[in-house]
Amino acid sequence: MYIIALLLHLIQRATYFYSIILMVYALLSWFPGGYQSGLGRFLAKICEPYISLFDRLPLRIGPLDFTILGAILILNLAVQGLAQIVIWITIHLVY
């Protein structure tokens, strides 16, 4: 049971750090040439595959693009949902 809790904790921490990476990637859009820098290219390789899943959704309002915000929200909701499912299964298997 401790292994399950540890794995769940590691998944939640990885999600937290990936959310921070997505936020930093979004902040690079405020700087001219931010995406062309070394850091920008590195973050693009990490972030673009996930963000591209949300490109079809209507998350743009005028000049504002909420795609990264939606991606972070869905990622965190999915991990919290997974955590609740694992906790529910663990409780029902143990008791």
Protein backbone atom coordinates (compact mmCIF):
# COMPACT_ATOMS: atom_id res chain seq x y z
CA MET A 1 0.00 0.00 0.00
CA TYR A 2 2.93 2.34 0.66
CA ILE A 3 4.21 1.71 -2.86
CA ILE A 4 0.88 2.82 -4.31
CA ALA A 5 0.94 5.96 -2.17
CA LEU A 6 4.53 6.67 -3.22
CA LEU A 7 3.73 6.21 -6.91
CA LEU A 8 0.69 8.44 -6.60
CA HIS A 9 2.76 11.09 -4.84
CA LEU A 10 5.44 10.93 -7.56
CA ILE A 11 2.81 11.32 -10.28
CA GLN A 12 1.33 14.32 -8.49
CA ARG A 13 4.77 15.93 -8.10
CA ALA A 14 5.64 15.30 -11.74
CA THR A 15 2.35 16.92 -12.74
CA TYR A 16 3.12 19.92 -10.53
CA PHE A 17 6.56 20.40 -12.12
CA TYR A 18 5.17 19.94 -15.64
CA SER A 19 2.53 22.58 -14.87
CA ILE A 20 5.30 24.96 -13.85
CA ILE A 21 7.16 24.18 -17.08
CA LEU A 22 3.97 24.94 -19.04
CA MET A 23 3.62 28.27 -17.20
CA VAL A 24 7.21 29.23 -17.97
CA TYR A 25 6.61 28.30 -21.60
CA ALA A 26 3.55 30.56 -21.64
CA LEU A 27 5.51 33.42 -20.07
CA LEU A 28 8.09 33.20 -22.86
CA SER A 29 5.46 34.50 -25.26
CA TRP A 30 5.66 37.88 -23.52
CA PHE A 31 9.32 38.33 -24.48
CA PRO A 32 10.40 39.07 -28.05
CA GLY A 33 12.34 36.09 -29.34
CA GLY A 34 11.56 34.07 -26.22
CA TYR A 35 10.67 30.96 -28.18
CA GLN A 36 13.81 31.25 -30.32
CA SER A 37 16.15 31.20 -27.33
CA GLY A 38 17.80 28.00 -26.16
CA LEU A 39 15.40 27.72 -23.24
CA GLY A 40 12.44 28.41 -25.53
CA ARG A 41 13.43 25.68 -27.99
CA PHE A 42 14.00 23.22 -25.14
CA LEU A 43 10.63 23.98 -23.55
CA ALA A 44 8.91 23.78 -26.95
CA LYS A 45 10.16 20.21 -27.36
CA ILE A 46 8.68 19.34 -23.97
CA CYS A 47 5.45 21.35 -24.09
CA GLU A 48 4.29 21.46 -27.73
CA PRO A 49 3.28 17.77 -28.05
CA TYR A 50 0.89 18.12 -25.10
CA ILE A 51 -0.36 21.61 -25.97
CA SER A 52 -1.06 20.59 -29.57
CA LEU A 53 -3.77 18.24 -28.27
CA PHE A 54 -5.80 21.32 -27.30
CA ASP A 55 -5.31 23.38 -30.48
CA ARG A 56 -8.68 22.33 -31.90
CA LEU A 57 -10.59 23.61 -28.88
CA PRO A 58 -11.96 27.17 -29.05
CA LEU A 59 -9.73 28.55 -26.30
CA ARG A 60 -8.76 31.78 -28.08
CA ILE A 61 -10.65 34.98 -27.36
CA GLY A 62 -9.36 37.73 -29.60
CA PRO A 63 -5.62 38.10 -29.06
CA LEU A 64 -5.71 36.01 -25.87
CA ASP A 65 -4.94 32.31 -26.04
CA PHE A 66 -6.03 30.20 -23.10
CA THR A 67 -4.78 26.91 -24.56
CA ILE A 68 -2.01 26.46 -22.00
CA LEU A 69 -4.37 27.31 -19.15
CA GLY A 70 -6.82 24.69 -20.43
CA ALA A 71 -4.01 22.16 -20.80
CA ILE A 72 -2.87 22.75 -17.21
CA LEU A 73 -6.44 22.49 -15.93
CA ILE A 74 -7.13 19.21 -17.76
CA LEU A 75 -3.79 17.74 -16.64
CA ASN A 76 -4.44 18.54 -12.99
CA LEU A 77 -8.05 17.33 -13.13
CA ALA A 78 -6.93 14.06 -14.71
CA VAL A 79 -4.29 13.45 -12.04
CA GLN A 80 -6.69 14.30 -9.22
CA GLY A 81 -9.28 11.98 -10.76
CA LEU A 82 -6.69 9.23 -11.02
CA ALA A 83 -5.74 9.80 -7.39
CA GLN A 84 -9.36 9.52 -6.27
CA ILE A 85 -9.84 6.30 -8.25
CA VAL A 86 -6.65 4.76 -6.83
CA ILE A 87 -7.62 5.77 -3.29
CA TRP A 88 -11.13 4.35 -3.73
CA ILE A 89 -9.80 1.06 -5.13
CA THR A 90 -7.16 0.80 -2.41
CA ILE A 91 -9.68 1.39 0.37
CA HIS A 92 -12.10 -1.18 -1.04
CA LEU A 93 -9.40 -3.79 -1.58
CA VAL A 94 -7.90 -3.39 1.89
CA TYR A 95 -11.15 -3.31 3.86
